[in-house]
PDB file of N, CA and C in Angstrom:
ATOM      1  N   MET A   1      11.863  -1.790 -23.368  1.00  0.00           N
ATOM      2  CA  MET A   1      10.721  -2.443 -22.093  1.00  0.00           C
ATOM      3  C   MET A   1       9.651  -2.911 -23.673  1.00  0.00           C
ATOM      4  N   THR A   2       9.122  -4.082 -23.094  1.00  0.00           N
ATOM      5  CA  THR A   2       8.136  -4.787 -23.714  1.00  0.00           C
ATOM      6  C   THR A   2       6.469  -3.926 -23.488  1.00  0.00           C
ATOM      7  N   GLY A   3       5.901  -4.375 -24.405  1.00  0.00           N
ATOM      8  CA  GLY A   3       4.381  -3.849 -24.154  1.00  0.00           C
ATOM      9  C   GLY A   3       3.957  -3.806 -22.592  1.00  0.00           C
ATOM     10  N   LEU A   4       4.192  -5.366 -22.221  1.00  0.00           N
ATOM     11  CA  LEU A   4       3.706  -5.913 -20.817  1.00  0.00           C
ATOM     12  C   LEU A   4       4.330  -4.818 -20.026  1.00  0.00           C
ATOM     13  N   GLU A   5       5.424  -4.882 -20.066  1.00  0.00           N
ATOM     14  CA  GLU A   5       6.221  -3.941 -18.977  1.00  0.00           C
ATOM     15  C   GLU A   5       5.795  -2.926 -18.893  1.00  0.00           C
ATOM     16  N   VAL A   6       5.162  -2.191 -20.087  1.00  0.00           N
ATOM     17  CA  VAL A   6       4.995  -0.587 -19.904  1.00  0.00           C
ATOM     18  C   VAL A   6       3.586  -0.624 -19.508  1.00  0.00           C
ATOM     19  N   LEU A   7       2.746  -1.637 -20.038  1.00  0.00           N
ATOM     20  CA  LEU A   7       1.277  -1.535 -19.108  1.00  0.00           C
ATOM     21  C   LEU A   7       1.605  -1.976 -17.546  1.00  0.00           C
ATOM     22  N   ALA A   8       2.570  -2.572 -17.278  1.00  0.00           N
ATOM     23  CA  ALA A   8       2.828  -3.097 -15.450  1.00  0.00           C
ATOM     24  C   ALA A   8       3.265  -1.696 -15.181  1.00  0.00           C
ATOM     25  N   VAL A   9       4.119  -0.904 -15.273  1.00  0.00           N
ATOM     26  CA  VAL A   9       4.600   0.469 -14.504  1.00  0.00           C
ATOM     27  C   VAL A   9       3.342   1.349 -15.242  1.00  0.00           C
ATOM     28  N   ALA A  10       2.403   1.741 -16.029  1.00  0.00           N
ATOM     29  CA  ALA A  10       1.462   2.439 -15.811  1.00  0.00           C
ATOM     30  C   ALA A  10       0.603   2.347 -14.861  1.00  0.00           C
ATOM     31  N   LEU A  11       0.243   0.704 -14.810  1.00  0.00           N
ATOM     32  CA  LEU A  11      -0.847   0.679 -13.997  1.00  0.00           C
ATOM     33  C   LEU A  11      -0.254   0.632 -12.492  1.00  0.00           C
ATOM     34  N   GLY A  12       0.914   0.700 -12.345  1.00  0.00           N
ATOM     35  CA  GLY A  12       1.908   0.959 -10.856  1.00  0.00           C
ATOM     36  C   GLY A  12       1.672   2.211 -10.294  1.00  0.00           C
ATOM     37  N   MET A  13       1.972   2.924 -11.650  1.00  0.00           N
ATOM     38  CA  MET A  13       1.658   4.526 -11.439  1.00  0.00           C
ATOM     39  C   MET A  13       0.488   4.972 -11.420  1.00  0.00           C
ATOM     40  N   ARG A  14      -0.692   4.337 -11.706  1.00  0.00           N
ATOM     41  CA  ARG A  14      -1.849   4.727 -11.527  1.00  0.00           C
ATOM     42  C   ARG A  14      -2.475   4.267  -9.977  1.00  0.00           C
ATOM     43  N   HIS A  15      -1.598   3.044  -9.587  1.00  0.00           N
ATOM     44  CA  HIS A  15      -2.156   2.422  -8.466  1.00  0.00           C
ATOM     45  C   HIS A  15      -1.811   3.004  -7.143  1.00  0.00           C
ATOM     46  N   GLY A  16      -0.661   3.987  -7.890  1.00  0.00           N
ATOM     47  CA  GLY A  16      -0.432   4.840  -6.463  1.00  0.00           C
ATOM     48  C   GLY A  16      -0.874   6.097  -6.160  1.00  0.00           C
ATOM     49  N   VAL A  17      -1.671   6.652  -6.625  1.00  0.00           N
ATOM     50  CA  VAL A  17      -2.734   7.796  -6.545  1.00  0.00           C
ATOM     51  C   VAL A  17      -3.962   7.018  -6.016  1.00  0.00           C
ATOM     52  N   ASP A  18      -4.353   5.718  -5.748  1.00  0.00           N
ATOM     53  CA  ASP A  18      -5.242   4.949  -4.897  1.00  0.00           C
ATOM     54  C   ASP A  18      -5.711   6.188  -3.937  1.00  0.00           C
ATOM     55  N   PRO A  19      -7.093   6.002  -3.691  1.00  0.00           N
ATOM     56  CA  PRO A  19      -7.280   6.751  -2.190  1.00  0.00           C
ATOM     57  C   PRO A  19      -6.546   5.976  -1.005  1.00  0.00           C
ATOM     58  N   ASP A  20      -6.485   4.876  -0.978  1.00  0.00           N
ATOM     59  CA  ASP A  20      -5.712   4.347   0.212  1.00  0.00           C
ATOM     60  C   ASP A  20      -4.407   4.461   0.027  1.00  0.00           C
ATOM     61  N   HIS A  21      -3.604   4.777  -0.580  1.00  0.00           N
ATOM     62  CA  HIS A  21      -2.173   4.965  -0.617  1.00  0.00           C
ATOM     63  C   HIS A  21      -2.158   6.677  -0.468  1.00  0.00           C
ATOM     64  N   LEU A  22      -3.029   7.255  -1.072  1.00  0.00           N
ATOM     65  CA  LEU A  22      -3.064   8.680  -0.320  1.00  0.00           C
ATOM     66  C   LEU A  22      -3.335   9.282   0.980  1.00  0.00           C
ATOM     67  N   ALA A  23      -4.475   8.053   1.630  1.00  0.00           N
ATOM     68  CA  ALA A  23      -4.658   8.208   2.950  1.00  0.00           C
ATOM     69  C   ALA A  23      -3.663   7.717   3.636  1.00  0.00           C
ATOM     70  N   ALA A  24      -2.948   6.757   3.659  1.00  0.00           N
ATOM     71  CA  ALA A  24      -1.660   6.173   4.299  1.00  0.00           C
ATOM     72  C   ALA A  24      -0.574   7.305   4.227  1.00  0.00           C
ATOM     73  N   VAL A  25       0.077   7.812   3.009  1.00  0.00           N
ATOM     74  CA  VAL A  25       1.019   9.062   3.139  1.00  0.00           C
ATOM     75  C   VAL A  25       0.300  10.228   3.719  1.00  0.00           C
ATOM     76  N   ASP A  26      -1.079  10.652   3.759  1.00  0.00           N
ATOM     77  CA  ASP A  26      -1.524  11.744   4.517  1.00  0.00           C
ATOM     78  C   ASP A  26      -1.482  11.550   6.087  1.00  0.00           C
ATOM     79  N   GLY A  27      -1.731  10.479   6.558  1.00  0.00           N
ATOM     80  CA  GLY A  27      -1.549   9.738   7.903  1.00  0.00           C
ATOM     81  C   GLY A  27      -0.041   9.783   8.280  1.00  0.00           C
ATOM     82  N   LEU A  28       0.667   9.467   7.498  1.00  0.00           N
ATOM     83  CA  LEU A  28       2.324   9.440   7.932  1.00  0.00           C
ATOM     84  C   LEU A  28       2.804  11.133   7.604  1.00  0.00           C
ATOM     85  N   SER A  29       2.310  11.936   6.740  1.00  0.00           N
ATOM     86  CA  SER A  29       2.808  12.963   6.954  1.00  0.00           C
ATOM     87  C   SER A  29       2.345  13.811   8.036  1.00  0.00           C
ATOM     88  N   ARG A  30       1.230  13.741   9.069  1.00  0.00           N
ATOM     89  CA  ARG A  30       0.667  14.299   9.918  1.00  0.00           C
ATOM     90  C   ARG A  30       1.752  14.159  11.146  1.00  0.00           C
ATOM     91  N   VAL A  31       2.359  12.785  11.134  1.00  0.00           N
ATOM     92  CA  VAL A  31       2.951  12.363  12.262  1.00  0.00           C
ATOM     93  C   VAL A  31       4.376  13.189  12.183  1.00  0.00           C
ATOM     94  N   ARG A  32       4.774  13.176  11.097  1.00  0.00           N
ATOM     95  CA  ARG A  32       5.958  13.524  10.751  1.00  0.00           C
ATOM     96  C   ARG A  32       6.696  14.396   9.757  1.00  0.00           C
ATOM     97  N   PRO A  33       5.792  15.487   9.087  1.00  0.00           N
ATOM     98  CA  PRO A  33       5.997  16.065   8.122  1.00  0.00           C
ATOM     99  C   PRO A  33       7.301  16.270   7.355  1.00  0.00           C
ATOM    100  N   SER A  34       7.197  15.696   6.080  1.00  0.00           N
ATOM    101  CA  SER A  34       8.889  15.641   5.689  1.00  0.00           C
ATOM    102  C   SER A  34       8.264  15.925   4.049  1.00  0.00           C
ATOM    103  N   PRO A  35       9.326  16.659   3.067  1.00  0.00           N
ATOM    104  CA  PRO A  35       8.859  16.467   1.665  1.00  0.00           C
ATOM    105  C   PRO A  35       9.193  15.192   1.126  1.00  0.00           C
ATOM    106  N   PHE A  36       9.934  14.520   1.754  1.00  0.00           N
ATOM    107  CA  PHE A  36       9.830  12.895   1.177  1.00  0.00           C
ATOM    108  C   PHE A  36       9.077  11.839   1.740  1.00  0.00           C
ATOM    109  N   ASN A  37       8.036  12.342   2.392  1.00  0.00           N
ATOM    110  CA  ASN A  37       7.277  11.317   2.924  1.00  0.00           C
ATOM    111  C   ASN A  37       6.706   9.990   1.456  1.00  0.00           C
ATOM    112  N   GLY A  38       6.030  11.006   0.420  1.00  0.00           N
ATOM    113  CA  GLY A  38       5.565  10.185  -0.601  1.00  0.00           C
ATOM    114  C   GLY A  38       6.776   9.464  -1.037  1.00  0.00           C
ATOM    115  N   VAL A  39       8.032   9.825  -1.467  1.00  0.00           N
ATOM    116  CA  VAL A  39       9.209   8.889  -1.929  1.00  0.00           C
ATOM    117  C   VAL A  39       9.393   7.944  -1.130  1.00  0.00           C
ATOM    118  N   LEU A  40       9.609   8.291   0.310  1.00  0.00           N
ATOM    119  CA  LEU A  40       9.803   7.272   1.233  1.00  0.00           C
ATOM    120  C   LEU A  40       8.737   5.886   1.365  1.00  0.00           C
ATOM    121  N   PHE A  41       7.408   6.726   0.923  1.00  0.00           N
ATOM    122  CA  PHE A  41       6.668   5.598   1.263  1.00  0.00           C
ATOM    123  C   PHE A  41       6.658   4.383   0.021  1.00  0.00           C
ATOM    124  N   ALA A  42       6.648   5.236  -1.040  1.00  0.00           N
ATOM    125  CA  ALA A  42       6.625   4.788  -2.528  1.00  0.00           C
ATOM    126  C   ALA A  42       7.810   3.450  -2.623  1.00  0.00           C
ATOM    127  N   ILE A  43       9.101   3.729  -2.217  1.00  0.00           N
ATOM    128  CA  ILE A  43      10.194   2.968  -1.917  1.00  0.00           C
ATOM    129  C   ILE A  43       9.535   1.785  -1.173  1.00  0.00           C
ATOM    130  N   GLY A  44       9.099   2.194   0.152  1.00  0.00           N
ATOM    131  CA  GLY A  44       9.007   1.179   1.202  1.00  0.00           C
ATOM    132  C   GLY A  44       8.137   0.331   0.769  1.00  0.00           C
ATOM    133  N   HIS A  45       6.904   0.761   0.045  1.00  0.00           N
ATOM    134  CA  HIS A  45       5.829  -0.255  -0.320  1.00  0.00           C
ATOM    135  C   HIS A  45       6.225  -0.926  -1.541  1.00  0.00           C
ATOM    136  N   GLY A  46       6.772  -0.503  -2.526  1.00  0.00           N
ATOM    137  CA  GLY A  46       7.562  -1.127  -3.292  1.00  0.00           C
ATOM    138  C   GLY A  46       8.274  -2.047  -3.357  1.00  0.00           C
ATOM    139  N   GLY A  47       9.076  -2.060  -2.226  1.00  0.00           N
ATOM    140  CA  GLY A  47      10.504  -3.149  -1.665  1.00  0.00           C
ATOM    141  C   GLY A  47       9.331  -4.184  -0.825  1.00  0.00           C
ATOM    142  N   LEU A  48       8.584  -3.630  -0.079  1.00  0.00           N
ATOM    143  CA  LEU A  48       7.746  -4.734   0.543  1.00  0.00           C
ATOM    144  C   LEU A  48       6.992  -5.684   0.135  1.00  0.00           C
ATOM    145  N   VAL A  49       6.225  -5.302  -1.184  1.00  0.00           N
ATOM    146  CA  VAL A  49       5.480  -5.898  -2.151  1.00  0.00           C
ATOM    147  C   VAL A  49       6.094  -7.000  -2.705  1.00  0.00           C
ATOM    148  N   THR A  50       7.247  -6.464  -3.166  1.00  0.00           N
ATOM    149  CA  THR A  50       8.167  -7.222  -3.953  1.00  0.00           C
ATOM    150  C   THR A  50       9.357  -8.405  -2.917  1.00  0.00           C
ATOM    151  N   LEU A  51       9.294  -8.050  -1.986  1.00  0.00           N
ATOM    152  CA  LEU A  51       9.979  -9.179  -0.932  1.00  0.00           C
ATOM    153  C   LEU A  51       8.876 -10.101  -0.789  1.00  0.00           C
ATOM    154  N   LEU A  52       7.511  -9.704  -0.322  1.00  0.00           N
ATOM    155  CA  LEU A  52       6.280 -10.453   0.157  1.00  0.00           C
ATOM    156  C   LEU A  52       5.585 -11.239  -1.058  1.00  0.00           C
ATOM    157  N   ALA A  53       6.071 -10.931  -2.178  1.00  0.00           N
ATOM    158  CA  ALA A  53       4.898 -11.480  -3.435  1.00  0.00           C
ATOM    159  C   ALA A  53       5.453 -12.630  -3.813  1.00  0.00           C
ATOM    160  N   PHE A  54       6.886 -13.040  -4.035  1.00  0.00           N
ATOM    161  CA  PHE A  54       6.897 -14.306  -4.452  1.00  0.00           C
ATOM    162  C   PHE A  54       7.094 -15.465  -3.252  1.00  0.00           C
ATOM    163  N   PRO A  55       7.216 -15.138  -1.826  1.00  0.00           N
ATOM    164  CA  PRO A  55       6.464 -16.240  -1.062  1.00  0.00           C
ATOM    165  C   PRO A  55       5.289 -16.646  -0.467  1.00  0.00           C
ATOM    166  N   ALA A  56       4.718 -15.399  -1.134  1.00  0.00           N
ATOM    167  CA  ALA A  56       2.936 -15.404  -1.079  1.00  0.00           C
ATOM    168  C   ALA A  56       2.345 -15.854  -2.073  1.00  0.00           C
ATOM    169  N   ALA A  57       3.121 -16.261  -3.107  1.00  0.00           N
ATOM    170  CA  ALA A  57       2.529 -16.581  -4.172  1.00  0.00           C
ATOM    171  C   ALA A  57       2.714 -18.639  -4.241  1.00  0.00           C
ATOM    172  N   SER A  58       3.695 -18.667  -3.626  1.00  0.00           N
ATOM    173  CA  SER A  58       4.039 -19.845  -3.273  1.00  0.00           C
ATOM    174  C   SER A  58       3.268 -20.595  -2.515  1.00  0.00           C
ATOM    175  N   LEU A  59       2.947 -19.716  -1.369  1.00  0.00           N
ATOM    176  CA  LEU A  59       2.380 -20.306  -0.037  1.00  0.00           C
ATOM    177  C   LEU A  59       0.747 -20.605  -0.451  1.00  0.00           C
ATOM    178  N   LEU A  60       0.291 -19.707  -1.229  1.00  0.00           N
ATOM    179  CA  LEU A  60      -1.176 -19.509  -1.256  1.00  0.00           C
ATOM    180  C   LEU A  60      -1.855 -20.220  -2.694  1.00  0.00           C
ATOM    181  N   LYS A  61      -1.010 -21.029  -3.280  1.00  0.00           N
ATOM    182  CA  LYS A  61      -1.488 -21.510  -4.653  1.00  0.00           C
ATOM    183  C   LYS A  61      -2.689 -22.796  -4.355  1.00  0.00           C
ATOM    184  N   GLY A  62      -3.083 -23.036  -3.092  1.00  0.00           N
ATOM    185  CA  GLY A  62      -4.181 -23.933  -2.916  1.00  0.00           C
ATOM    186  C   GLY A  62      -5.242 -23.280  -2.169  1.00  0.00           C
ATOM    187  N   LEU A  63      -5.158 -22.223  -1.661  1.00  0.00           N
ATOM    188  CA  LEU A  63      -6.214 -21.422  -1.237  1.00  0.00           C
ATOM    189  C   LEU A  63      -6.750 -20.549  -1.998  1.00  0.00           C
ATOM    190  N   ASP A  64      -8.417 -20.841  -1.670  1.00  0.00           N
ATOM    191  CA  ASP A  64      -9.252 -19.957  -2.051  1.00  0.00           C
ATOM    192  C   ASP A  64      -9.174 -18.514  -2.494  1.00  0.00           C
ATOM    193  N   LEU A  65      -9.569 -17.855  -3.535  1.00  0.00           N
ATOM    194  CA  LEU A  65      -9.435 -16.721  -3.652  1.00  0.00           C
ATOM    195  C   LEU A  65      -9.935 -15.579  -2.595  1.00  0.00           C
ATOM    196  N   GLU A  66     -10.804 -16.038  -2.302  1.00  0.00           N
ATOM    197  CA  GLU A  66     -11.833 -15.260  -1.109  1.00  0.00           C
ATOM    198  C   GLU A  66     -10.993 -14.983   0.144  1.00  0.00           C
ATOM    199  N   ALA A  67      -9.801 -15.678   0.289  1.00  0.00           N
ATOM    200  CA  ALA A  67      -8.835 -15.317   1.472  1.00  0.00           C
ATOM    201  C   ALA A  67      -8.256 -14.383   1.497  1.00  0.00           C
ATOM    202  N   PHE A  68      -8.185 -13.072   0.607  1.00  0.00           N
ATOM    203  CA  PHE A  68      -7.707 -12.075   0.163  1.00  0.00           C
ATOM    204  C   PHE A  68      -8.504 -10.817   0.825  1.00  0.00           C
ATOM    205  N   HIS A  69      -8.294 -10.816   2.331  1.00  0.00           N
ATOM    206  CA  HIS A  69      -9.363  -9.896   2.903  1.00  0.00           C
ATOM    207  C   HIS A  69      -8.281  -8.815   3.381  1.00  0.00           C
ATOM    208  N   LEU A  70      -7.035  -8.987   3.221  1.00  0.00           N
ATOM    209  CA  LEU A  70      -5.871  -8.193   4.065  1.00  0.00           C
ATOM    210  C   LEU A  70      -6.018  -6.725   3.455  1.00  0.00           C
ATOM    211  N   PRO A  71      -6.122  -6.643   2.504  1.00  0.00           N
ATOM    212  CA  PRO A  71      -6.476  -5.173   1.865  1.00  0.00           C
ATOM    213  C   PRO A  71      -7.470  -4.237   2.685  1.00  0.00           C
ATOM    214  N   ALA A  72      -8.400  -5.070   2.980  1.00  0.00           N
ATOM    215  CA  ALA A  72      -9.510  -4.460   3.005  1.00  0.00           C
ATOM    216  C   ALA A  72      -9.395  -3.991   4.765  1.00  0.00           C
ATOM    217  N   PHE A  73      -8.741  -5.261   5.537  1.00  0.00           N
ATOM    218  CA  PHE A  73      -8.475  -5.096   6.885  1.00  0.00           C
ATOM    219  C   PHE A  73      -7.472  -3.764   7.036  1.00  0.00           C
ATOM    220  N   LEU A  74      -6.454  -3.613   6.279  1.00  0.00           N
ATOM    221  CA  LEU A  74      -5.249  -2.646   6.492  1.00  0.00           C
ATOM    222  C   LEU A  74      -6.035  -1.344   5.995  1.00  0.00           C
ATOM    223  N   LEU A  75      -6.837  -1.346   5.340  1.00  0.00           N
ATOM    224  CA  LEU A  75      -7.459   0.148   5.259  1.00  0.00           C
ATOM    225  C   LEU A  75      -8.309   0.360   6.373  1.00  0.00           C
ATOM    226  N   LEU A  76      -8.781  -0.318   6.874  1.00  0.00           N
ATOM    227  CA  LEU A  76      -9.664  -0.266   8.139  1.00  0.00           C
ATOM    228  C   LEU A  76      -8.869   0.004   9.704  1.00  0.00           C
ATOM    229  N   LEU A  77      -7.516  -0.608   9.097  1.00  0.00           N
ATOM    230  CA  LEU A  77      -6.348  -0.051  10.410  1.00  0.00           C
ATOM    231  C   LEU A  77      -6.088   1.030  10.431  1.00  0.00           C
ATOM    232  N   VAL A  78      -5.871   1.549   9.012  1.00  0.00           N
ATOM    233  CA  VAL A  78      -5.229   3.094   8.699  1.00  0.00           C
ATOM    234  C   VAL A  78      -6.652   3.874   9.223  1.00  0.00           C
ATOM    235  N   ALA A  79      -7.344   3.664   8.810  1.00  0.00           N
ATOM    236  CA  ALA A  79      -9.037   4.589   9.126  1.00  0.00           C
ATOM    237  C   ALA A  79      -9.031   4.751  10.570  1.00  0.00           C
ATOM    238  N   ALA A  80      -8.682   3.490  11.422  1.00  0.00           N
ATOM    239  CA  ALA A  80      -8.391   3.669  12.887  1.00  0.00           C
ATOM    240  C   ALA A  80      -7.723   4.523  13.264  1.00  0.00           C
ATOM    241  N   LEU A  81      -6.392   4.338  12.946  1.00  0.00           N
ATOM    242  CA  LEU A  81      -5.362   4.776  13.495  1.00  0.00           C
ATOM    243  C   LEU A  81      -5.844   6.406  13.362  1.00  0.00           C
ATOM    244  N   ASN A  82      -5.982   6.615  12.059  1.00  0.00           N
ATOM    245  CA  ASN A  82      -6.225   8.400  11.373  1.00  0.00           C
ATOM    246  C   ASN A  82      -7.540   8.653  12.571  1.00  0.00           C
ATOM    247  N   LEU A  83      -8.397   8.002  12.732  1.00  0.00           N
ATOM    248  CA  LEU A  83      -9.670   8.595  13.918  1.00  0.00           C
ATOM    249  C   LEU A  83      -9.054   8.477  15.133  1.00  0.00           C
ATOM    250  N   TYR A  84      -8.239   7.748  15.493  1.00  0.00           N
ATOM    251  CA  TYR A  84      -7.417   7.734  16.806  1.00  0.00           C
ATOM    252  C   TYR A  84      -6.675   8.846  17.169  1.00  0.00           C
ATOM    253  N   ARG A  85      -5.886   9.437  15.768  1.00  0.00           N
ATOM    254  CA  ARG A  85      -5.456  10.654  16.078  1.00  0.00           C
ATOM    255  C   ARG A  85      -5.858  11.781  15.964  1.00  0.00           C
ATOM    256  N   LEU A  86      -7.058  11.955  15.440  1.00  0.00           N
ATOM    257  CA  LEU A  86      -7.975  13.242  15.157  1.00  0.00           C
ATOM    258  C   LEU A  86      -8.577  13.270  16.691  1.00  0.00           C
ATOM    259  N   LEU A  87      -9.131  12.107  17.317  1.00  0.00           N
ATOM    260  CA  LEU A  87      -9.678  12.519  18.514  1.00  0.00           C
ATOM    261  C   LEU A  87      -8.868  12.603  19.720  1.00  0.00           C
ATOM    262  N   LYS A  88      -7.581  12.409  19.708  1.00  0.00           N
ATOM    263  CA  LYS A  88      -6.813  12.016  20.557  1.00  0.00           C
ATOM    264  C   LYS A  88      -6.714  13.438  21.477  1.00  0.00           C
ATOM    265  N   PRO A  89      -6.557  13.615  22.597  1.00  0.00           N
ATOM    266  CA  PRO A  89      -6.563  15.053  23.441  1.00  0.00           C
ATOM    267  C   PRO A  89      -5.330  15.774  23.124  1.00  0.00           C
TER     268      PRO A  89
END
């Protein structure tokens, strides 16, 4: 592997333990506990990002970079779902 590939893998591994990912895995684990939740989340997340990266890059060439509010929206959605599950009778 080249130095750039090693850096990409290292940053991807570090990205995997960001608080938003840990909250998502924790939220999934509470619904259906399984020892494979983390692995399945990683496979699904990596696959989805890979599938969406190329079409998104080609569609967003002309857009302003301030249009990337989706991660913040998704974090708020995860928080709302976790809060709903917490307060649900």
